[in-house]
C-alpha atoms as a PDB file:
ATOM      1  CA  MET A   1      -0.051   0.025  -0.170  1.00  0.00           C
ATOM      2  CA  ASP A   2       1.444   3.422  -1.128  1.00  0.00           C
ATOM      3  CA  HIS A   3       1.420   5.881   1.485  1.00  0.00           C
ATOM      4  CA  SER A   4       3.522   8.620   0.041  1.00  0.00           C
ATOM      5  CA  ASP A   5       0.790  11.125  -0.179  1.00  0.00           C
ATOM      6  CA  ARG A   6       0.195  10.699   3.820  1.00  0.00           C
ATOM      7  CA  GLN A   7       1.896  13.355   5.942  1.00  0.00           C
ATOM      8  CA  ASN A   8       1.501  12.263   9.876  1.00  0.00           C
ATOM      9  CA  VAL A   9       1.913  15.091  12.302  1.00  0.00           C
ATOM     10  CA  SER A  10       3.012  14.256  15.887  1.00  0.00           C
ATOM     11  CA  SER A  11       2.559  16.843  18.650  1.00  0.00           C
ATOM     12  CA  GLY A  12       5.094  15.386  21.019  1.00  0.00           C
ATOM     13  CA  SER A  13       2.339  13.841  23.219  1.00  0.00           C
ATOM     14  CA  PRO A  14       3.128  10.677  25.357  1.00  0.00           C
ATOM     15  CA  LEU A  15      -0.320   9.451  24.364  1.00  0.00           C
ATOM     16  CA  GLU A  16       0.763   9.464  20.480  1.00  0.00           C
ATOM     17  CA  PRO A  17       2.630   6.741  20.312  1.00  0.00           C
ATOM     18  CA  GLU A  18       0.717   4.626  23.210  1.00  0.00           C
ATOM     19  CA  ILE A  19      -2.502   5.063  21.851  1.00  0.00           C
ATOM     20  CA  GLY A  20      -1.119   5.106  18.136  1.00  0.00           C
ATOM     21  CA  PHE A  21      -2.287   8.345  16.696  1.00  0.00           C
ATOM     22  CA  SER A  22      -1.530  11.515  15.134  1.00  0.00           C
ATOM     23  CA  ARG A  23      -1.893  15.086  16.293  1.00  0.00           C
ATOM     24  CA  ALA A  24      -2.836  15.493  12.581  1.00  0.00           C
ATOM     25  CA  VAL A  25      -2.747  13.388   9.610  1.00  0.00           C
ATOM     26  CA  ARG A  26      -2.629  15.506   5.986  1.00  0.00           C
ATOM     27  CA  LYS A  27      -3.639  12.933   2.733  1.00  0.00           C
ATOM     28  CA  GLY A  28      -3.672  15.020  -0.450  1.00  0.00           C
ATOM     29  CA  ALA A  29      -5.456  18.278   0.204  1.00  0.00           C
ATOM     30  CA  HIS A  30      -7.509  16.764   3.508  1.00  0.00           C
ATOM     31  CA  VAL A  31      -5.854  17.455   6.821  1.00  0.00           C
ATOM     32  CA  ALA A  32      -7.657  15.756  10.276  1.00  0.00           C
ATOM     33  CA  VAL A  33      -6.881  17.145  13.659  1.00  0.00           C
ATOM     34  CA  ALA A  34      -7.861  14.629  16.602  1.00  0.00           C
ATOM     35  CA  GLY A  35      -9.359  15.635  19.197  1.00  0.00           C
ATOM     36  CA  THR A  36      -6.648  18.316  21.022  1.00  0.00           C
ATOM     37  CA  ALA A  37      -6.850  18.797  24.735  1.00  0.00           C
ATOM     38  CA  PRO A  38      -5.431  22.270  26.814  1.00  0.00           C
ATOM     39  CA  ILE A  39      -2.115  20.641  27.847  1.00  0.00           C
ATOM     40  CA  GLY A  40       0.110  23.148  28.079  1.00  0.00           C
ATOM     41  CA  GLU A  41       4.015  22.713  27.347  1.00  0.00           C
ATOM     42  CA  ASP A  42       4.652  21.489  30.811  1.00  0.00           C
ATOM     43  CA  GLY A  43       1.788  18.558  30.352  1.00  0.00           C
ATOM     44  CA  GLY A  44      -0.389  20.373  32.744  1.00  0.00           C
ATOM     45  CA  THR A  45      -4.027  21.585  32.087  1.00  0.00           C
ATOM     46  CA  VAL A  46      -3.795  25.391  30.717  1.00  0.00           C
ATOM     47  CA  GLY A  47      -7.037  27.132  32.114  1.00  0.00           C
ATOM     48  CA  VAL A  48      -8.314  25.190  34.786  1.00  0.00           C
ATOM     49  CA  GLY A  49     -11.876  25.937  35.450  1.00  0.00           C
ATOM     50  CA  ASP A  50     -11.616  28.368  32.260  1.00  0.00           C
ATOM     51  CA  VAL A  51     -13.478  27.035  30.014  1.00  0.00           C
ATOM     52  CA  TYR A  52     -12.730  30.116  27.321  1.00  0.00           C
ATOM     53  CA  ALA A  53      -9.053  29.518  28.098  1.00  0.00           C
ATOM     54  CA  GLN A  54      -9.147  26.221  27.630  1.00  0.00           C
ATOM     55  CA  THR A  55     -10.721  26.603  24.503  1.00  0.00           C
ATOM     56  CA  VAL A  56      -7.983  29.120  22.896  1.00  0.00           C
ATOM     57  CA  ARG A  57      -4.934  26.587  24.235  1.00  0.00           C
ATOM     58  CA  CYS A  58      -6.856  24.124  21.629  1.00  0.00           C
ATOM     59  CA  LEU A  59      -7.249  26.083  19.193  1.00  0.00           C
ATOM     60  CA  ASP A  60      -3.698  27.344  19.403  1.00  0.00           C
ATOM     61  CA  ILE A  61      -2.600  23.356  19.185  1.00  0.00           C
ATOM     62  CA  ALA A  62      -5.006  22.526  16.417  1.00  0.00           C
ATOM     63  CA  GLU A  63      -3.383  25.397  14.453  1.00  0.00           C
ATOM     64  CA  ALA A  64       0.156  24.824  14.817  1.00  0.00           C
ATOM     65  CA  ALA A  65      -1.028  20.758  14.051  1.00  0.00           C
ATOM     66  CA  LEU A  66      -2.333  22.595  10.516  1.00  0.00           C
ATOM     67  CA  ARG A  67       0.229  24.300  10.381  1.00  0.00           C
ATOM     68  CA  ALA A  68       2.858  21.563  10.343  1.00  0.00           C
ATOM     69  CA  ALA A  69       0.631  19.934   7.819  1.00  0.00           C
ATOM     70  CA  GLY A  70       0.900  22.638   5.274  1.00  0.00           C
ATOM     71  CA  ALA A  71      -2.667  23.983   6.277  1.00  0.00           C
ATOM     72  CA  GLY A  72      -3.964  27.053   8.380  1.00  0.00           C
ATOM     73  CA  PRO A  73      -7.008  28.627   9.439  1.00  0.00           C
ATOM     74  CA  ALA A  74      -8.625  30.153   6.329  1.00  0.00           C
ATOM     75  CA  ASP A  75      -8.655  26.228   5.029  1.00  0.00           C
ATOM     76  CA  VAL A  76     -10.738  25.161   7.987  1.00  0.00           C
ATOM     77  CA  VAL A  77     -14.066  23.435   6.910  1.00  0.00           C
ATOM     78  CA  ARG A  78     -15.414  21.728   9.847  1.00  0.00           C
ATOM     79  CA  THR A  79     -14.843  22.093  13.878  1.00  0.00           C
ATOM     80  CA  ARG A  80     -16.386  19.911  16.418  1.00  0.00           C
ATOM     81  CA  ILE A  81     -16.413  21.539  20.092  1.00  0.00           C
ATOM     82  CA  MET A  82     -16.806  18.755  22.573  1.00  0.00           C
ATOM     83  CA  LEU A  83     -17.577  20.327  26.366  1.00  0.00           C
ATOM     84  CA  THR A  84     -18.073  18.749  29.823  1.00  0.00           C
ATOM     85  CA  ASP A  85     -20.879  21.226  30.133  1.00  0.00           C
ATOM     86  CA  VAL A  86     -22.560  22.366  27.232  1.00  0.00           C
ATOM     87  CA  THR A  87     -23.985  25.472  29.033  1.00  0.00           C
ATOM     88  CA  ALA A  88     -20.819  27.019  28.608  1.00  0.00           C
ATOM     89  CA  TRP A  89     -21.044  26.893  24.631  1.00  0.00           C
ATOM     90  CA  ARG A  90     -20.682  30.867  25.120  1.00  0.00           C
ATOM     91  CA  GLU A  91     -17.177  30.841  26.568  1.00  0.00           C
ATOM     92  CA  ALA A  92     -15.992  28.616  23.915  1.00  0.00           C
ATOM     93  CA  ALA A  93     -17.632  29.864  20.742  1.00  0.00           C
ATOM     94  CA  ARG A  94     -16.208  33.528  21.628  1.00  0.00           C
ATOM     95  CA  ALA A  95     -12.802  31.726  21.443  1.00  0.00           C
ATOM     96  CA  HIS A  96     -13.826  30.176  18.115  1.00  0.00           C
ATOM     97  CA  GLY A  97     -15.374  33.145  16.422  1.00  0.00           C
ATOM     98  CA  GLU A  98     -12.055  35.149  17.228  1.00  0.00           C
ATOM     99  CA  ARG A  99     -10.203  32.560  15.577  1.00  0.00           C
ATOM    100  CA  PHE A 100     -12.627  31.871  12.603  1.00  0.00           C
ATOM    101  CA  ALA A 101     -15.478  34.892  12.309  1.00  0.00           C
ATOM    102  CA  ALA A 102     -14.321  35.037   9.110  1.00  0.00           C
ATOM    103  CA  VAL A 103     -13.498  31.716   8.027  1.00  0.00           C
ATOM    104  CA  ARG A 104     -17.149  30.683   9.204  1.00  0.00           C
ATOM    105  CA  PRO A 105     -16.421  26.563   9.556  1.00  0.00           C
ATOM    106  CA  VAL A 106     -19.731  24.404   9.990  1.00  0.00           C
ATOM    107  CA  THR A 107     -19.158  23.809  13.462  1.00  0.00           C
ATOM    108  CA  THR A 108     -20.782  21.047  16.263  1.00  0.00           C
ATOM    109  CA  PHE A 109     -21.165  21.742  19.639  1.00  0.00           C
ATOM    110  CA  VAL A 110     -21.643  18.559  21.817  1.00  0.00           C
ATOM    111  CA  GLU A 111     -21.647  17.347  25.887  1.00  0.00           C
ATOM    112  CA  VAL A 112     -19.702  14.897  26.801  1.00  0.00           C
ATOM    113  CA  SER A 113     -19.552  13.118  30.117  1.00  0.00           C
ATOM    114  CA  ARG A 114     -15.918  13.606  30.532  1.00  0.00           C
ATOM    115  CA  PHE A 115     -12.357  13.215  29.141  1.00  0.00           C
ATOM    116  CA  ILE A 116      -9.501  11.603  30.075  1.00  0.00           C
ATOM    117  CA  ASP A 117      -8.348  14.164  32.582  1.00  0.00           C
ATOM    118  CA  PRO A 118     -11.097  15.462  34.946  1.00  0.00           C
ATOM    119  CA  GLU A 119      -9.420  18.817  34.426  1.00  0.00           C
ATOM    120  CA  TRP A 120     -10.178  19.310  30.750  1.00  0.00           C
ATOM    121  CA  LEU A 121     -13.384  21.308  30.191  1.00  0.00           C
ATOM    122  CA  VAL A 122     -13.092  20.853  26.343  1.00  0.00           C
ATOM    123  CA  GLU A 123     -11.422  18.918  23.569  1.00  0.00           C
ATOM    124  CA  ILE A 124     -11.109  20.414  19.924  1.00  0.00           C
ATOM    125  CA  GLU A 125     -11.313  18.135  16.399  1.00  0.00           C
ATOM    126  CA  VAL A 126     -10.425  20.130  13.394  1.00  0.00           C
ATOM    127  CA  ASP A 127     -10.549  19.426   9.476  1.00  0.00           C
ATOM    128  CA  ALA A 128      -9.464  21.027   6.918  1.00  0.00           C
ATOM    129  CA  VAL A 129      -8.931  20.932   2.944  1.00  0.00           C
ATOM    130  CA  LEU A 130      -6.596  22.998   1.036  1.00  0.00           C
ATOM    131  CA  ASP A 131      -7.384  24.517  -2.406  1.00  0.00           C
ATOM    132  CA  ARG A 132      -5.469  21.916  -3.865  1.00  0.00           C
ATOM    133  CA  ASP A 133      -3.473  18.783  -3.130  1.00  0.00           C
ATOM    134  CA  PRO A 134       0.308  19.913  -4.326  1.00  0.00           C
ATOM    135  CA  ALA A 135       0.689  16.026  -5.207  1.00  0.00           C
ATOM    136  CA  ALA A 136      -1.311  16.282  -7.950  1.00  0.00           C
ATOM    137  CA  ASP A 137       0.984  18.650  -9.830  1.00  0.00           C
END
């Protein structure tokens, strides 16, 4: 099987090899970013108790993964925002709107019972499509 047009992007998380996943995968013109939690450079949770701060951190991590795969916020077509308390959706929406007001990807908010770390209040998935597949050139 030829995977020459596949690019796996790592964020350096120790969970990636343990679970067997990548932070992002680019296949042709498509980029998918895995569920991204609000983990800081030190491995701890950013913004404990603060949905807005955690959402900003998740988006920062996701954007870095997009850039490593050759994409950016303007290429985003879908986001999924998972919250442990969906009544806090406006705080997540504020951070999302600051990042994507001009792009306006399709977006879904869902409530989940919990995440791996109980301090995490939000996780975000991102899908992007580039205008063209450079491998097709």
